[in-house]
Full PDB file with SEQRES, HELIX, SHEET, SSBOND, CRYST1, ORIGX, SCALE, CONECT and MASTER records, all heavy atoms in Angstrom:
SEQRES   1 A   36  ALA LEU PRO SER GLY GLU THR VAL SER ILE THR ALA LEU          
SEQRES   2 A   36  GLN MET CYS ASN PRO ASN CYS CYS VAL PHE VAL GLU ASP          
SEQRES   3 A   36  PHE GLU SER VAL ASP TRP ARG THR LEU GLY                      
HELIX    1 AA1 TRP A   32  LEU A   35  1                                   4    
SHEET    1 AA1 2 THR A  11  GLN A  14  0                                        
SHEET    2 AA1 2 PRO A  18  CYS A  21 -1                                        
CRYST1    1.000    1.000    1.000  90.00  90.00  90.00 P 1           1          
ORIGX1      1.000000  0.000000  0.000000        0.00000                         
ORIGX2      0.000000  1.000000  0.000000        0.00000                         
ORIGX3      0.000000  0.000000  1.000000        0.00000                         
SCALE1      1.000000  0.000000  0.000000        0.00000                         
SCALE2      0.000000  1.000000  0.000000        0.00000                         
SCALE3      0.000000  0.000000  1.000000        0.00000                         
ATOM      1  N   ALA A   1      -4.023   9.342  -1.139  1.00  0.00           N  
ATOM      2  CA  ALA A   1      -3.733   9.867  -2.469  1.00  0.00           C  
ATOM      3  C   ALA A   1      -2.225   9.887  -2.699  1.00  0.00           C  
ATOM      4  O   ALA A   1      -1.465  10.413  -1.878  1.00  0.00           O  
ATOM      5  CB  ALA A   1      -4.311  11.280  -2.606  1.00  0.00           C  
ATOM      6  N   LEU A   2      -1.783   9.304  -3.805  1.00  0.00           N  
ATOM      7  CA  LEU A   2      -0.361   9.201  -4.111  1.00  0.00           C  
ATOM      8  C   LEU A   2       0.052  10.264  -5.129  1.00  0.00           C  
ATOM      9  O   LEU A   2      -0.781  10.764  -5.895  1.00  0.00           O  
ATOM     10  CB  LEU A   2      -0.043   7.810  -4.668  1.00  0.00           C  
ATOM     11  CG  LEU A   2      -0.380   6.621  -3.760  1.00  0.00           C  
ATOM     12  CD1 LEU A   2      -0.008   5.314  -4.447  1.00  0.00           C  
ATOM     13  CD2 LEU A   2       0.334   6.749  -2.428  1.00  0.00           C  
ATOM     14  N   PRO A   3       1.346  10.606  -5.170  1.00  0.00           N  
ATOM     15  CA  PRO A   3       1.825  11.588  -6.152  1.00  0.00           C  
ATOM     16  C   PRO A   3       1.564  11.169  -7.592  1.00  0.00           C  
ATOM     17  O   PRO A   3       1.482  12.022  -8.486  1.00  0.00           O  
ATOM     18  CB  PRO A   3       3.331  11.649  -5.862  1.00  0.00           C  
ATOM     19  CG  PRO A   3       3.468  11.205  -4.451  1.00  0.00           C  
ATOM     20  CD  PRO A   3       2.402  10.187  -4.236  1.00  0.00           C  
ATOM     21  N   SER A   4       1.420   9.869  -7.828  1.00  0.00           N  
ATOM     22  CA  SER A   4       1.165   9.365  -9.175  1.00  0.00           C  
ATOM     23  C   SER A   4      -0.253   9.646  -9.646  1.00  0.00           C  
ATOM     24  O   SER A   4      -0.583   9.433 -10.818  1.00  0.00           O  
ATOM     25  CB  SER A   4       1.414   7.856  -9.208  1.00  0.00           C  
ATOM     26  OG  SER A   4       0.513   7.187  -8.321  1.00  0.00           O  
ATOM     27  N   GLY A   5      -1.121  10.096  -8.734  1.00  0.00           N  
ATOM     28  CA  GLY A   5      -2.514  10.329  -9.072  1.00  0.00           C  
ATOM     29  C   GLY A   5      -3.428   9.202  -8.629  1.00  0.00           C  
ATOM     30  O   GLY A   5      -4.656   9.358  -8.636  1.00  0.00           O  
ATOM     31  N   GLU A   6      -2.853   8.059  -8.238  1.00  0.00           N  
ATOM     32  CA  GLU A   6      -3.652   6.941  -7.743  1.00  0.00           C  
ATOM     33  C   GLU A   6      -4.092   7.195  -6.302  1.00  0.00           C  
ATOM     34  O   GLU A   6      -3.459   7.951  -5.566  1.00  0.00           O  
ATOM     35  CB  GLU A   6      -2.836   5.648  -7.779  1.00  0.00           C  
ATOM     36  CG  GLU A   6      -2.361   5.215  -9.143  1.00  0.00           C  
ATOM     37  CD  GLU A   6      -1.443   4.011  -9.043  1.00  0.00           C  
ATOM     38  OE1 GLU A   6      -1.962   2.881  -8.955  1.00  0.00           O  
ATOM     39  OE2 GLU A   6      -0.215   4.213  -9.054  1.00  0.00           O  
ATOM     40  N   THR A   7      -5.147   6.519  -5.920  1.00  0.00           N  
ATOM     41  CA  THR A   7      -5.584   6.502  -4.533  1.00  0.00           C  
ATOM     42  C   THR A   7      -5.618   5.060  -4.065  1.00  0.00           C  
ATOM     43  O   THR A   7      -6.221   4.205  -4.724  1.00  0.00           O  
ATOM     44  CB  THR A   7      -6.968   7.144  -4.363  1.00  0.00           C  
ATOM     45  OG1 THR A   7      -6.899   8.523  -4.754  1.00  0.00           O  
ATOM     46  CG2 THR A   7      -7.432   7.065  -2.916  1.00  0.00           C  
ATOM     47  N   VAL A   8      -4.953   4.776  -2.933  1.00  0.00           N  
ATOM     48  CA  VAL A   8      -4.837   3.422  -2.419  1.00  0.00           C  
ATOM     49  C   VAL A   8      -5.477   3.359  -1.045  1.00  0.00           C  
ATOM     50  O   VAL A   8      -5.261   4.246  -0.204  1.00  0.00           O  
ATOM     51  CB  VAL A   8      -3.355   2.989  -2.324  1.00  0.00           C  
ATOM     52  CG1 VAL A   8      -3.236   1.585  -1.758  1.00  0.00           C  
ATOM     53  CG2 VAL A   8      -2.695   3.055  -3.692  1.00  0.00           C  
ATOM     54  N   SER A   9      -6.260   2.322  -0.800  1.00  0.00           N  
ATOM     55  CA  SER A   9      -6.864   2.118   0.518  1.00  0.00           C  
ATOM     56  C   SER A   9      -5.836   1.457   1.433  1.00  0.00           C  
ATOM     57  O   SER A   9      -5.299   0.395   1.120  1.00  0.00           O  
ATOM     58  CB  SER A   9      -8.105   1.235   0.393  1.00  0.00           C  
ATOM     59  OG  SER A   9      -8.674   0.993   1.669  1.00  0.00           O  
ATOM     60  N   ILE A  10      -5.561   2.089   2.574  1.00  0.00           N  
ATOM     61  CA  ILE A  10      -4.540   1.581   3.483  1.00  0.00           C  
ATOM     62  C   ILE A  10      -5.105   1.406   4.893  1.00  0.00           C  
ATOM     63  O   ILE A  10      -6.074   2.054   5.281  1.00  0.00           O  
ATOM     64  CB  ILE A  10      -3.317   2.517   3.553  1.00  0.00           C  
ATOM     65  CG1 ILE A  10      -3.706   3.858   4.196  1.00  0.00           C  
ATOM     66  CG2 ILE A  10      -2.692   2.735   2.180  1.00  0.00           C  
ATOM     67  CD1 ILE A  10      -2.535   4.705   4.636  1.00  0.00           C  
ATOM     68  N   THR A  11      -4.475   0.510   5.633  1.00  0.00           N  
ATOM     69  CA  THR A  11      -4.696   0.387   7.072  1.00  0.00           C  
ATOM     70  C   THR A  11      -3.327   0.525   7.725  1.00  0.00           C  
ATOM     71  O   THR A  11      -2.408  -0.229   7.407  1.00  0.00           O  
ATOM     72  CB  THR A  11      -5.331  -0.965   7.431  1.00  0.00           C  
ATOM     73  OG1 THR A  11      -6.639  -1.029   6.850  1.00  0.00           O  
ATOM     74  CG2 THR A  11      -5.428  -1.141   8.937  1.00  0.00           C  
ATOM     75  N   ALA A  12      -3.177   1.515   8.595  1.00  0.00           N  
ATOM     76  CA  ALA A  12      -1.875   1.813   9.190  1.00  0.00           C  
ATOM     77  C   ALA A  12      -1.934   1.617  10.700  1.00  0.00           C  
ATOM     78  O   ALA A  12      -2.968   1.837  11.338  1.00  0.00           O  
ATOM     79  CB  ALA A  12      -1.447   3.239   8.863  1.00  0.00           C  
ATOM     80  N   LEU A  13      -0.817   1.203  11.276  1.00  0.00           N  
ATOM     81  CA  LEU A  13      -0.724   1.002  12.716  1.00  0.00           C  
ATOM     82  C   LEU A  13       0.730   1.083  13.145  1.00  0.00           C  
ATOM     83  O   LEU A  13       1.643   0.957  12.329  1.00  0.00           O  
ATOM     84  CB  LEU A  13      -1.313  -0.350  13.133  1.00  0.00           C  
ATOM     85  CG  LEU A  13      -0.669  -1.623  12.561  1.00  0.00           C  
ATOM     86  CD1 LEU A  13      -0.872  -2.800  13.510  1.00  0.00           C  
ATOM     87  CD2 LEU A  13      -1.286  -1.982  11.214  1.00  0.00           C  
ATOM     88  N   GLN A  14       0.927   1.297  14.424  1.00  0.00           N  
ATOM     89  CA  GLN A  14       2.257   1.275  15.025  1.00  0.00           C  
ATOM     90  C   GLN A  14       2.481  -0.127  15.578  1.00  0.00           C  
ATOM     91  O   GLN A  14       1.791  -0.578  16.485  1.00  0.00           O  
ATOM     92  CB  GLN A  14       2.341   2.319  16.135  1.00  0.00           C  
ATOM     93  CG  GLN A  14       3.579   2.253  16.994  1.00  0.00           C  
ATOM     94  CD  GLN A  14       4.862   2.584  16.258  1.00  0.00           C  
ATOM     95  OE1 GLN A  14       5.836   1.856  16.348  1.00  0.00           O  
ATOM     96  NE2 GLN A  14       4.871   3.691  15.514  1.00  0.00           N  
ATOM     97  N   MET A  15       3.451  -0.840  14.987  1.00  0.00           N  
ATOM     98  CA  MET A  15       3.826  -2.168  15.471  1.00  0.00           C  
ATOM     99  C   MET A  15       5.333  -2.172  15.628  1.00  0.00           C  
ATOM    100  O   MET A  15       6.064  -2.630  14.761  1.00  0.00           O  
ATOM    101  CB  MET A  15       3.358  -3.235  14.487  1.00  0.00           C  
ATOM    102  CG  MET A  15       3.512  -4.681  14.940  1.00  0.00           C  
ATOM    103  SD  MET A  15       2.412  -5.176  16.285  1.00  0.00           S  
ATOM    104  CE  MET A  15       3.564  -5.259  17.656  1.00  0.00           C  
ATOM    105  N   CYS A  16       5.786  -1.530  16.702  1.00  0.00           N  
ATOM    106  CA  CYS A  16       7.216  -1.269  16.950  1.00  0.00           C  
ATOM    107  C   CYS A  16       7.761  -0.211  16.003  1.00  0.00           C  
ATOM    108  O   CYS A  16       8.619   0.580  16.377  1.00  0.00           O  
ATOM    109  CB  CYS A  16       8.054  -2.543  16.837  1.00  0.00           C  
ATOM    110  SG  CYS A  16       7.581  -3.848  17.971  1.00  0.00           S  
ATOM    111  N   ASN A  17       7.307  -0.202  14.772  1.00  0.00           N  
ATOM    112  CA  ASN A  17       7.638   0.799  13.765  1.00  0.00           C  
ATOM    113  C   ASN A  17       6.339   1.199  13.067  1.00  0.00           C  
ATOM    114  O   ASN A  17       5.340   0.490  13.148  1.00  0.00           O  
ATOM    115  CB  ASN A  17       8.598   0.215  12.712  1.00  0.00           C  
ATOM    116  CG  ASN A  17       9.892  -0.271  13.309  1.00  0.00           C  
ATOM    117  OD1 ASN A  17      10.628   0.485  13.917  1.00  0.00           O  
ATOM    118  ND2 ASN A  17      10.176  -1.555  13.138  1.00  0.00           N  
ATOM    119  N   PRO A  18       6.332   2.324  12.345  1.00  0.00           N  
ATOM    120  CA  PRO A  18       5.150   2.633  11.526  1.00  0.00           C  
ATOM    121  C   PRO A  18       4.977   1.567  10.446  1.00  0.00           C  
ATOM    122  O   PRO A  18       5.938   1.185   9.772  1.00  0.00           O  
ATOM    123  CB  PRO A  18       5.501   3.993  10.909  1.00  0.00           C  
ATOM    124  CG  PRO A  18       6.591   4.554  11.752  1.00  0.00           C  
ATOM    125  CD  PRO A  18       7.361   3.377  12.262  1.00  0.00           C  
ATOM    126  N   ASN A  19       3.769   1.057  10.306  1.00  0.00           N  
ATOM    127  CA  ASN A  19       3.463   0.049   9.294  1.00  0.00           C  
ATOM    128  C   ASN A  19       2.194   0.429   8.554  1.00  0.00           C  
ATOM    129  O   ASN A  19       1.223   0.882   9.160  1.00  0.00           O  
ATOM    130  CB  ASN A  19       3.283  -1.324   9.936  1.00  0.00           C  
ATOM    131  CG  ASN A  19       4.599  -1.984  10.284  1.00  0.00           C  
ATOM    132  OD1 ASN A  19       5.188  -2.682   9.474  1.00  0.00           O  
ATOM    133  ND2 ASN A  19       5.076  -1.752  11.508  1.00  0.00           N  
ATOM    134  N   CYS A  20       2.215   0.219   7.262  1.00  0.00           N  
ATOM    135  CA  CYS A  20       1.078   0.498   6.403  1.00  0.00           C  
ATOM    136  C   CYS A  20       0.745  -0.776   5.637  1.00  0.00           C  
ATOM    137  O   CYS A  20       1.628  -1.372   5.010  1.00  0.00           O  
ATOM    138  CB  CYS A  20       1.430   1.636   5.443  1.00  0.00           C  
ATOM    139  SG  CYS A  20       0.227   1.892   4.123  1.00  0.00           S  
ATOM    140  N   CYS A  21      -0.508  -1.215   5.694  1.00  0.00           N  
ATOM    141  CA  CYS A  21      -0.928  -2.452   5.034  1.00  0.00           C  
ATOM    142  C   CYS A  21      -1.881  -2.134   3.884  1.00  0.00           C  
ATOM    143  O   CYS A  21      -2.837  -1.381   4.054  1.00  0.00           O  
ATOM    144  CB  CYS A  21      -1.608  -3.388   6.026  1.00  0.00           C  
ATOM    145  SG  CYS A  21      -0.538  -3.883   7.406  1.00  0.00           S  
ATOM    146  N   VAL A  22      -1.587  -2.723   2.736  1.00  0.00           N  
ATOM    147  CA  VAL A  22      -2.438  -2.597   1.549  1.00  0.00           C  
ATOM    148  C   VAL A  22      -2.931  -3.993   1.204  1.00  0.00           C  
ATOM    149  O   VAL A  22      -2.123  -4.890   0.927  1.00  0.00           O  
ATOM    150  CB  VAL A  22      -1.661  -1.996   0.359  1.00  0.00           C  
ATOM    151  CG1 VAL A  22      -2.577  -1.880  -0.860  1.00  0.00           C  
ATOM    152  CG2 VAL A  22      -1.067  -0.639   0.724  1.00  0.00           C  
ATOM    153  N   PHE A  23      -4.230  -4.206   1.222  1.00  0.00           N  
ATOM    154  CA  PHE A  23      -4.801  -5.522   0.957  1.00  0.00           C  
ATOM    155  C   PHE A  23      -5.076  -5.667  -0.539  1.00  0.00           C  
ATOM    156  O   PHE A  23      -5.654  -4.769  -1.167  1.00  0.00           O  
ATOM    157  CB  PHE A  23      -6.070  -5.730   1.778  1.00  0.00           C  
ATOM    158  CG  PHE A  23      -5.778  -5.966   3.236  1.00  0.00           C  
ATOM    159  CD1 PHE A  23      -5.512  -4.904   4.091  1.00  0.00           C  
ATOM    160  CD2 PHE A  23      -5.726  -7.254   3.753  1.00  0.00           C  
ATOM    161  CE1 PHE A  23      -5.219  -5.114   5.430  1.00  0.00           C  
ATOM    162  CE2 PHE A  23      -5.436  -7.487   5.095  1.00  0.00           C  
ATOM    163  CZ  PHE A  23      -5.171  -6.407   5.927  1.00  0.00           C  
ATOM    164  N   VAL A  24      -4.605  -6.776  -1.100  1.00  0.00           N  
ATOM    165  CA  VAL A  24      -4.696  -6.996  -2.545  1.00  0.00           C  
ATOM    166  C   VAL A  24      -5.315  -8.368  -2.818  1.00  0.00           C  
ATOM    167  O   VAL A  24      -5.297  -9.263  -1.970  1.00  0.00           O  
ATOM    168  CB  VAL A  24      -3.302  -6.908  -3.203  1.00  0.00           C  
ATOM    169  CG1 VAL A  24      -2.685  -5.535  -2.966  1.00  0.00           C  
ATOM    170  CG2 VAL A  24      -2.369  -7.997  -2.674  1.00  0.00           C  
ATOM    171  N   GLU A  25      -5.842  -8.523  -4.037  1.00  0.00           N  
ATOM    172  CA  GLU A  25      -6.386  -9.815  -4.468  1.00  0.00           C  
ATOM    173  C   GLU A  25      -5.282 -10.759  -4.906  1.00  0.00           C  
ATOM    174  O   GLU A  25      -5.365 -11.972  -4.722  1.00  0.00           O  
ATOM    175  CB  GLU A  25      -7.385  -9.594  -5.604  1.00  0.00           C  
ATOM    176  CG  GLU A  25      -8.649  -8.861  -5.181  1.00  0.00           C  
ATOM    177  CD  GLU A  25      -9.474  -9.650  -4.176  1.00  0.00           C  
ATOM    178  OE1 GLU A  25      -9.490 -10.895  -4.273  1.00  0.00           O  
ATOM    179  OE2 GLU A  25     -10.090  -9.017  -3.293  1.00  0.00           O  
ATOM    180  N   ASP A  26      -4.238 -10.193  -5.534  1.00  0.00           N  
ATOM    181  CA  ASP A  26      -3.081 -10.983  -5.960  1.00  0.00           C  
ATOM    182  C   ASP A  26      -1.906 -10.031  -6.130  1.00  0.00           C  
ATOM    183  O   ASP A  26      -2.060  -8.808  -6.070  1.00  0.00           O  
ATOM    184  CB  ASP A  26      -3.357 -11.746  -7.265  1.00  0.00           C  
ATOM    185  CG  ASP A  26      -3.709 -10.804  -8.407  1.00  0.00           C  
ATOM    186  OD1 ASP A  26      -2.812 -10.100  -8.896  1.00  0.00           O  
ATOM    187  OD2 ASP A  26      -4.898 -10.775  -8.802  1.00  0.00           O  
ATOM    188  N   PHE A  27      -0.706 -10.581  -6.327  1.00  0.00           N  
ATOM    189  CA  PHE A  27       0.496  -9.753  -6.430  1.00  0.00           C  
ATOM    190  C   PHE A  27       0.907  -9.510  -7.887  1.00  0.00           C  
ATOM    191  O   PHE A  27       1.777  -8.685  -8.146  1.00  0.00           O  
ATOM    192  CB  PHE A  27       1.655 -10.415  -5.679  1.00  0.00           C  
ATOM    193  CG  PHE A  27       1.381 -10.618  -4.211  1.00  0.00           C  
ATOM    194  CD1 PHE A  27       1.240 -11.885  -3.687  1.00  0.00           C  
ATOM    195  CD2 PHE A  27       1.240  -9.535  -3.366  1.00  0.00           C  
ATOM    196  CE1 PHE A  27       0.979 -12.078  -2.344  1.00  0.00           C  
ATOM    197  CE2 PHE A  27       0.967  -9.712  -2.014  1.00  0.00           C  
ATOM    198  CZ  PHE A  27       0.838 -10.992  -1.499  1.00  0.00           C  
ATOM    199  N   GLU A  28       0.288 -10.229  -8.810  1.00  0.00           N  
ATOM    200  CA  GLU A  28       0.674 -10.096 -10.209  1.00  0.00           C  
ATOM    201  C   GLU A  28       0.044  -8.864 -10.868  1.00  0.00           C  
ATOM    202  O   GLU A  28       0.651  -8.229 -11.727  1.00  0.00           O  
ATOM    203  CB  GLU A  28       0.268 -11.358 -10.996  1.00  0.00           C  
ATOM    204  CG  GLU A  28       1.088 -12.596 -10.691  1.00  0.00           C  
ATOM    205  CD  GLU A  28       0.837 -13.149  -9.295  1.00  0.00           C  
ATOM    206  OE1 GLU A  28      -0.312 -13.044  -8.801  1.00  0.00           O  
ATOM    207  OE2 GLU A  28       1.798 -13.677  -8.690  1.00  0.00           O  
ATOM    208  N   SER A  29      -1.169  -8.528 -10.454  1.00  0.00           N  
ATOM    209  CA  SER A  29      -1.877  -7.413 -11.082  1.00  0.00           C  
ATOM    210  C   SER A  29      -1.600  -6.073 -10.404  1.00  0.00           C  
ATOM    211  O   SER A  29      -2.124  -5.042 -10.825  1.00  0.00           O  
ATOM    212  CB  SER A  29      -3.392  -7.682 -11.086  1.00  0.00           C  
ATOM    213  OG  SER A  29      -3.876  -7.810  -9.758  1.00  0.00           O  
ATOM    214  N   VAL A  30      -0.771  -6.084  -9.362  1.00  0.00           N  
ATOM    215  CA  VAL A  30      -0.451  -4.866  -8.616  1.00  0.00           C  
ATOM    216  C   VAL A  30       1.053  -4.616  -8.688  1.00  0.00           C  
ATOM    217  O   VAL A  30       1.858  -5.515  -8.404  1.00  0.00           O  
ATOM    218  CB  VAL A  30      -0.882  -4.989  -7.135  1.00  0.00           C  
ATOM    219  CG1 VAL A  30      -0.469  -3.750  -6.346  1.00  0.00           C  
ATOM    220  CG2 VAL A  30      -2.373  -5.219  -7.027  1.00  0.00           C  
ATOM    221  N   ASP A  31       1.439  -3.419  -9.085  1.00  0.00           N  
ATOM    222  CA  ASP A  31       2.860  -3.063  -9.109  1.00  0.00           C  
ATOM    223  C   ASP A  31       3.252  -2.634  -7.697  1.00  0.00           C  
ATOM    224  O   ASP A  31       3.445  -1.457  -7.397  1.00  0.00           O  
ATOM    225  CB  ASP A  31       3.100  -1.936 -10.115  1.00  0.00           C  
ATOM    226  CG  ASP A  31       4.582  -1.647 -10.323  1.00  0.00           C  
ATOM    227  OD1 ASP A  31       5.422  -2.292  -9.642  1.00  0.00           O  
ATOM    228  OD2 ASP A  31       4.899  -0.777 -11.140  1.00  0.00           O  
ATOM    229  N   TRP A  32       3.365  -3.612  -6.798  1.00  0.00           N  
ATOM    230  CA  TRP A  32       3.522  -3.294  -5.381  1.00  0.00           C  
ATOM    231  C   TRP A  32       4.871  -2.664  -5.065  1.00  0.00           C  
ATOM    232  O   TRP A  32       4.986  -1.883  -4.120  1.00  0.00           O  
ATOM    233  CB  TRP A  32       3.279  -4.538  -4.525  1.00  0.00           C  
ATOM    234  CG  TRP A  32       4.186  -5.709  -4.767  1.00  0.00           C  
ATOM    235  CD1 TRP A  32       3.982  -6.747  -5.621  1.00  0.00           C  
ATOM    236  CD2 TRP A  32       5.426  -5.960  -4.112  1.00  0.00           C  
ATOM    237  NE1 TRP A  32       5.026  -7.636  -5.553  1.00  0.00           N  
ATOM    238  CE2 TRP A  32       5.925  -7.181  -4.632  1.00  0.00           C  
ATOM    239  CE3 TRP A  32       6.166  -5.291  -3.144  1.00  0.00           C  
ATOM    240  CZ2 TRP A  32       7.140  -7.729  -4.212  1.00  0.00           C  
ATOM    241  CZ3 TRP A  32       7.378  -5.820  -2.726  1.00  0.00           C  
ATOM    242  CH2 TRP A  32       7.853  -7.030  -3.257  1.00  0.00           C  
ATOM    243  N   ARG A  33       5.890  -2.972  -5.844  1.00  0.00           N  
ATOM    244  CA  ARG A  33       7.201  -2.342  -5.597  1.00  0.00           C  
ATOM    245  C   ARG A  33       7.138  -0.829  -5.849  1.00  0.00           C  
ATOM    246  O   ARG A  33       7.658  -0.036  -5.058  1.00  0.00           O  
ATOM    247  CB  ARG A  33       8.267  -2.994  -6.466  1.00  0.00           C  
ATOM    248  CG  ARG A  33       8.524  -4.464  -6.135  1.00  0.00           C  
ATOM    249  CD  ARG A  33       9.515  -5.075  -7.113  1.00  0.00           C  
ATOM    250  NE  ARG A  33       9.777  -6.476  -6.810  1.00  0.00           N  
ATOM    251  CZ  ARG A  33       9.037  -7.494  -7.272  1.00  0.00           C  
ATOM    252  NH1 ARG A  33       7.974  -7.236  -8.049  1.00  0.00           N  
ATOM    253  NH2 ARG A  33       9.346  -8.741  -6.968  1.00  0.00           N  
ATOM    254  N   THR A  34       6.507  -0.450  -6.949  1.00  0.00           N  
ATOM    255  CA  THR A  34       6.359   0.978  -7.241  1.00  0.00           C  
ATOM    256  C   THR A  34       5.490   1.660  -6.194  1.00  0.00           C  
ATOM    257  O   THR A  34       5.803   2.760  -5.714  1.00  0.00           O  
ATOM    258  CB  THR A  34       5.752   1.175  -8.637  1.00  0.00           C  
ATOM    259  OG1 THR A  34       6.654   0.642  -9.620  1.00  0.00           O  
ATOM    260  CG2 THR A  34       5.515   2.652  -8.926  1.00  0.00           C  
ATOM    261  N   LEU A  35       4.391   0.997  -5.815  1.00  0.00           N  
ATOM    262  CA  LEU A  35       3.524   1.567  -4.785  1.00  0.00           C  
ATOM    263  C   LEU A  35       4.257   1.682  -3.449  1.00  0.00           C  
ATOM    264  O   LEU A  35       4.119   2.687  -2.740  1.00  0.00           O  
ATOM    265  CB  LEU A  35       2.271   0.707  -4.622  1.00  0.00           C  
ATOM    266  CG  LEU A  35       1.256   0.738  -5.762  1.00  0.00           C  
ATOM    267  CD1 LEU A  35       0.108  -0.224  -5.473  1.00  0.00           C  
ATOM    268  CD2 LEU A  35       0.729   2.154  -5.989  1.00  0.00           C  
ATOM    269  N   GLY A  36       5.034   0.658  -3.099  1.00  0.00           N  
ATOM    270  CA  GLY A  36       5.786   0.713  -1.855  1.00  0.00           C  
ATOM    271  C   GLY A  36       6.744   1.882  -1.815  1.00  0.00           C  
ATOM    272  O   GLY A  36       6.866   2.579  -0.796  1.00  0.00           O  
TER     273      GLY A  36                                                      
MASTER        0    0    0    1    2    0    0    6  272    1    0    3          
END                                                                             
């Protein structure tokens, strides 16, 4: 759950650093910079 009110499905793991992966269908329909 994000402060914006959205809920995003994530997969997180430790790969030398904390990493969070969000799987998307395309990059045009997702405001990934804001979500990041």
